[in-house]
Amino acid sequence: MEQRWNIRMPVRTQVCIRSPDAGTIAGRTRDLSFEGMYVETSPDSVSAHTFVQVEFAVRDGADWAVVKTPAMIVRSSDDGVGLMFPDYDDTVFDGLALLLAHYFSKQQLSRPHHAGALLS
């Protein structure tokens, strides 16, 4: 059974998966968290329980950086793969934080109409 400690957010960005068996696979994230991501890619591109390297670009102000992190394929389906980050360093954490911050900066955070009654 899969257990997540963090909520996955619907962040879309290009990624590259490098596998010793399948080579380089291009994809696009459907969602991500500090624990993993789901990457939309071609069917049967990589099998479950395979260790890979994931690469993605992040922008910090005017600068771009490529972030690389080890990951494990925990799920493979017809439209992509679920990845878990078993271990990463501060650079990867910072890259994931920038992607999530960019997502939140684009969101309109407002309370629903009926929330006023709950707060009264």
C-alpha atoms as a PDB file:
ATOM      1  CA  MET A   1       0.000   0.000   0.000  1.00  0.00           C
ATOM      2  CA  GLU A   2       1.332   3.415  -0.944  1.00  0.00           C
ATOM      3  CA  GLN A   3       1.562   5.930   1.904  1.00  0.00           C
ATOM      4  CA  ARG A   4       2.262   9.584   1.282  1.00  0.00           C
ATOM      5  CA  TRP A   5       3.240  12.158   3.859  1.00  0.00           C
ATOM      6  CA  ASN A   6       2.932  15.134   1.467  1.00  0.00           C
ATOM      7  CA  ILE A   7       0.095  16.194  -0.796  1.00  0.00           C
ATOM      8  CA  ARG A   8       0.908  16.113  -4.498  1.00  0.00           C
ATOM      9  CA  MET A   9       0.281  19.404  -6.289  1.00  0.00           C
ATOM     10  CA  PRO A  10      -0.718  19.636  -9.985  1.00  0.00           C
ATOM     11  CA  VAL A  11       2.562  21.142 -11.196  1.00  0.00           C
ATOM     12  CA  ARG A  12       3.359  20.775 -14.908  1.00  0.00           C
ATOM     13  CA  THR A  13       6.965  20.896 -16.066  1.00  0.00           C
ATOM     14  CA  GLN A  14       9.215  19.056 -18.502  1.00  0.00           C
ATOM     15  CA  VAL A  15      11.429  16.340 -17.061  1.00  0.00           C
ATOM     16  CA  CYS A  16      13.991  13.894 -18.340  1.00  0.00           C
ATOM     17  CA  ILE A  17      14.225  10.377 -16.902  1.00  0.00           C
ATOM     18  CA  ARG A  18      17.537   8.596 -17.362  1.00  0.00           C
ATOM     19  CA  SER A  19      17.394   4.834 -16.991  1.00  0.00           C
ATOM     20  CA  PRO A  20      20.282   2.376 -17.333  1.00  0.00           C
ATOM     21  CA  ASP A  21      17.960  -0.006 -19.224  1.00  0.00           C
ATOM     22  CA  ALA A  22      15.679   2.312 -21.224  1.00  0.00           C
ATOM     23  CA  GLY A  23      18.009   5.246 -21.903  1.00  0.00           C
ATOM     24  CA  THR A  24      16.685   8.808 -21.839  1.00  0.00           C
ATOM     25  CA  ILE A  25      12.924   9.341 -21.652  1.00  0.00           C
ATOM     26  CA  ALA A  26      11.257  12.747 -21.979  1.00  0.00           C
ATOM     27  CA  GLY A  27       8.085  13.459 -20.055  1.00  0.00           C
ATOM     28  CA  ARG A  28       5.957  16.046 -18.302  1.00  0.00           C
ATOM     29  CA  THR A  29       4.934  16.059 -14.655  1.00  0.00           C
ATOM     30  CA  ARG A  30       1.261  15.745 -13.801  1.00  0.00           C
ATOM     31  CA  ASP A  31       1.856  16.356 -10.099  1.00  0.00           C
ATOM     32  CA  LEU A  32       4.666  16.512  -7.590  1.00  0.00           C
ATOM     33  CA  SER A  33       5.549  16.790  -3.924  1.00  0.00           C
ATOM     34  CA  PHE A  34       8.726  16.676  -1.865  1.00  0.00           C
ATOM     35  CA  GLU A  35       8.445  12.867  -1.895  1.00  0.00           C
ATOM     36  CA  GLY A  36       7.866  12.172  -5.578  1.00  0.00           C
ATOM     37  CA  MET A  37       6.146  12.982  -8.846  1.00  0.00           C
ATOM     38  CA  TYR A  38       3.974  11.462 -11.548  1.00  0.00           C
ATOM     39  CA  VAL A  39       5.464  11.823 -15.036  1.00  0.00           C
ATOM     40  CA  GLU A  40       3.341  11.464 -18.145  1.00  0.00           C
ATOM     41  CA  THR A  41       5.369   9.579 -20.723  1.00  0.00           C
ATOM     42  CA  SER A  42       5.054   6.830 -23.315  1.00  0.00           C
ATOM     43  CA  PRO A  43       3.525   3.534 -22.175  1.00  0.00           C
ATOM     44  CA  ASP A  44       5.897   0.853 -20.921  1.00  0.00           C
ATOM     45  CA  SER A  45       8.862   3.241 -21.004  1.00  0.00           C
ATOM     46  CA  VAL A  46      10.264   2.047 -17.645  1.00  0.00           C
ATOM     47  CA  SER A  47       9.250  -0.816 -15.350  1.00  0.00           C
ATOM     48  CA  ALA A  48       8.265  -0.481 -11.708  1.00  0.00           C
ATOM     49  CA  HIS A  49      10.992  -0.860  -9.069  1.00  0.00           C
ATOM     50  CA  THR A  50      13.657   0.566 -11.395  1.00  0.00           C
ATOM     51  CA  PHE A  51      16.119   3.153 -10.078  1.00  0.00           C
ATOM     52  CA  VAL A  52      16.511   6.146 -12.405  1.00  0.00           C
ATOM     53  CA  GLN A  53      17.754   9.726 -12.416  1.00  0.00           C
ATOM     54  CA  VAL A  54      15.255  12.548 -12.927  1.00  0.00           C
ATOM     55  CA  GLU A  55      16.277  15.933 -14.311  1.00  0.00           C
ATOM     56  CA  PHE A  56      14.220  19.120 -14.445  1.00  0.00           C
ATOM     57  CA  ALA A  57      14.912  22.814 -14.913  1.00  0.00           C
ATOM     58  CA  VAL A  58      13.998  25.467 -12.373  1.00  0.00           C
ATOM     59  CA  ARG A  59      14.069  29.220 -12.619  1.00  0.00           C
ATOM     60  CA  ASP A  60      15.216  31.359  -9.730  1.00  0.00           C
ATOM     61  CA  GLY A  61      14.816  34.965 -10.777  1.00  0.00           C
ATOM     62  CA  ALA A  62      16.675  35.408 -14.071  1.00  0.00           C
ATOM     63  CA  ASP A  63      18.768  32.252 -13.631  1.00  0.00           C
ATOM     64  CA  TRP A  64      17.965  28.689 -14.725  1.00  0.00           C
ATOM     65  CA  ALA A  65      19.410  25.549 -13.181  1.00  0.00           C
ATOM     66  CA  VAL A  66      19.067  21.848 -13.990  1.00  0.00           C
ATOM     67  CA  VAL A  67      18.258  19.767 -10.927  1.00  0.00           C
ATOM     68  CA  LYS A  68      19.165  16.060 -10.915  1.00  0.00           C
ATOM     69  CA  THR A  69      17.949  13.541  -8.362  1.00  0.00           C
ATOM     70  CA  PRO A  70      17.808   9.780  -7.961  1.00  0.00           C
ATOM     71  CA  ALA A  71      14.323   8.290  -7.977  1.00  0.00           C
ATOM     72  CA  MET A  72      12.621   4.931  -7.969  1.00  0.00           C
ATOM     73  CA  ILE A  73       9.736   3.992 -10.262  1.00  0.00           C
ATOM     74  CA  VAL A  74       7.009   2.861  -7.862  1.00  0.00           C
ATOM     75  CA  ARG A  75       4.203   2.598 -10.416  1.00  0.00           C
ATOM     76  CA  SER A  76       4.015   2.225 -14.173  1.00  0.00           C
ATOM     77  CA  SER A  77       0.809   2.677 -16.182  1.00  0.00           C
ATOM     78  CA  ASP A  78      -0.364   3.308 -19.729  1.00  0.00           C
ATOM     79  CA  ASP A  79       0.121   7.071 -19.452  1.00  0.00           C
ATOM     80  CA  GLY A  80       3.250   7.377 -17.315  1.00  0.00           C
ATOM     81  CA  VAL A  81       5.189   6.508 -14.196  1.00  0.00           C
ATOM     82  CA  GLY A  82       5.019   7.328 -10.500  1.00  0.00           C
ATOM     83  CA  LEU A  83       8.390   8.223  -9.003  1.00  0.00           C
ATOM     84  CA  MET A  84       9.511   8.306  -5.386  1.00  0.00           C
ATOM     85  CA  PHE A  85      12.543  10.284  -4.229  1.00  0.00           C
ATOM     86  CA  PRO A  86      14.297   7.969  -1.761  1.00  0.00           C
ATOM     87  CA  ASP A  87      17.058  10.441  -0.940  1.00  0.00           C
ATOM     88  CA  TYR A  88      18.072  13.888  -2.116  1.00  0.00           C
ATOM     89  CA  ASP A  89      20.239  16.809  -1.085  1.00  0.00           C
ATOM     90  CA  ASP A  90      19.566  20.494  -0.377  1.00  0.00           C
ATOM     91  CA  THR A  91      19.902  21.445  -4.060  1.00  0.00           C
ATOM     92  CA  VAL A  92      17.074  19.081  -5.029  1.00  0.00           C
ATOM     93  CA  PHE A  93      14.941  20.252  -2.098  1.00  0.00           C
ATOM     94  CA  ASP A  94      15.463  23.868  -3.201  1.00  0.00           C
ATOM     95  CA  GLY A  95      14.541  22.964  -6.803  1.00  0.00           C
ATOM     96  CA  LEU A  96      11.325  21.229  -5.723  1.00  0.00           C
ATOM     97  CA  ALA A  97      10.522  24.176  -3.450  1.00  0.00           C
ATOM     98  CA  LEU A  98      10.923  26.597  -6.384  1.00  0.00           C
ATOM     99  CA  LEU A  99       8.586  24.515  -8.574  1.00  0.00           C
ATOM    100  CA  LEU A 100       5.968  24.370  -5.813  1.00  0.00           C
ATOM    101  CA  ALA A 101       6.354  28.090  -5.020  1.00  0.00           C
ATOM    102  CA  HIS A 102       5.810  28.906  -8.694  1.00  0.00           C
ATOM    103  CA  TYR A 103       2.619  26.808  -8.629  1.00  0.00           C
ATOM    104  CA  PHE A 104       1.293  28.573  -5.518  1.00  0.00           C
ATOM    105  CA  SER A 105       2.130  32.035  -6.879  1.00  0.00           C
ATOM    106  CA  LYS A 106      -0.189  31.356  -9.839  1.00  0.00           C
ATOM    107  CA  GLN A 107      -3.120  30.177  -7.699  1.00  0.00           C
ATOM    108  CA  GLN A 108      -6.017  32.413  -6.684  1.00  0.00           C
ATOM    109  CA  LEU A 109      -6.410  31.552  -3.032  1.00  0.00           C
ATOM    110  CA  SER A 110      -9.808  32.703  -1.828  1.00  0.00           C
ATOM    111  CA  ARG A 111     -12.313  31.213   0.535  1.00  0.00           C
ATOM    112  CA  PRO A 112     -15.630  29.851  -0.770  1.00  0.00           C
ATOM    113  CA  HIS A 113     -18.846  31.874  -0.362  1.00  0.00           C
ATOM    114  CA  HIS A 114     -20.130  29.638   2.424  1.00  0.00           C
ATOM    115  CA  ALA A 115     -16.891  29.862   4.458  1.00  0.00           C
ATOM    116  CA  GLY A 116     -18.025  33.137   6.062  1.00  0.00           C
ATOM    117  CA  ALA A 117     -20.766  31.324   7.968  1.00  0.00           C
ATOM    118  CA  LEU A 118     -18.238  28.839   9.332  1.00  0.00           C
ATOM    119  CA  LEU A 119     -15.938  31.604  10.540  1.00  0.00           C
ATOM    120  CA  SER A 120     -18.655  33.670  12.263  1.00  0.00           C
END
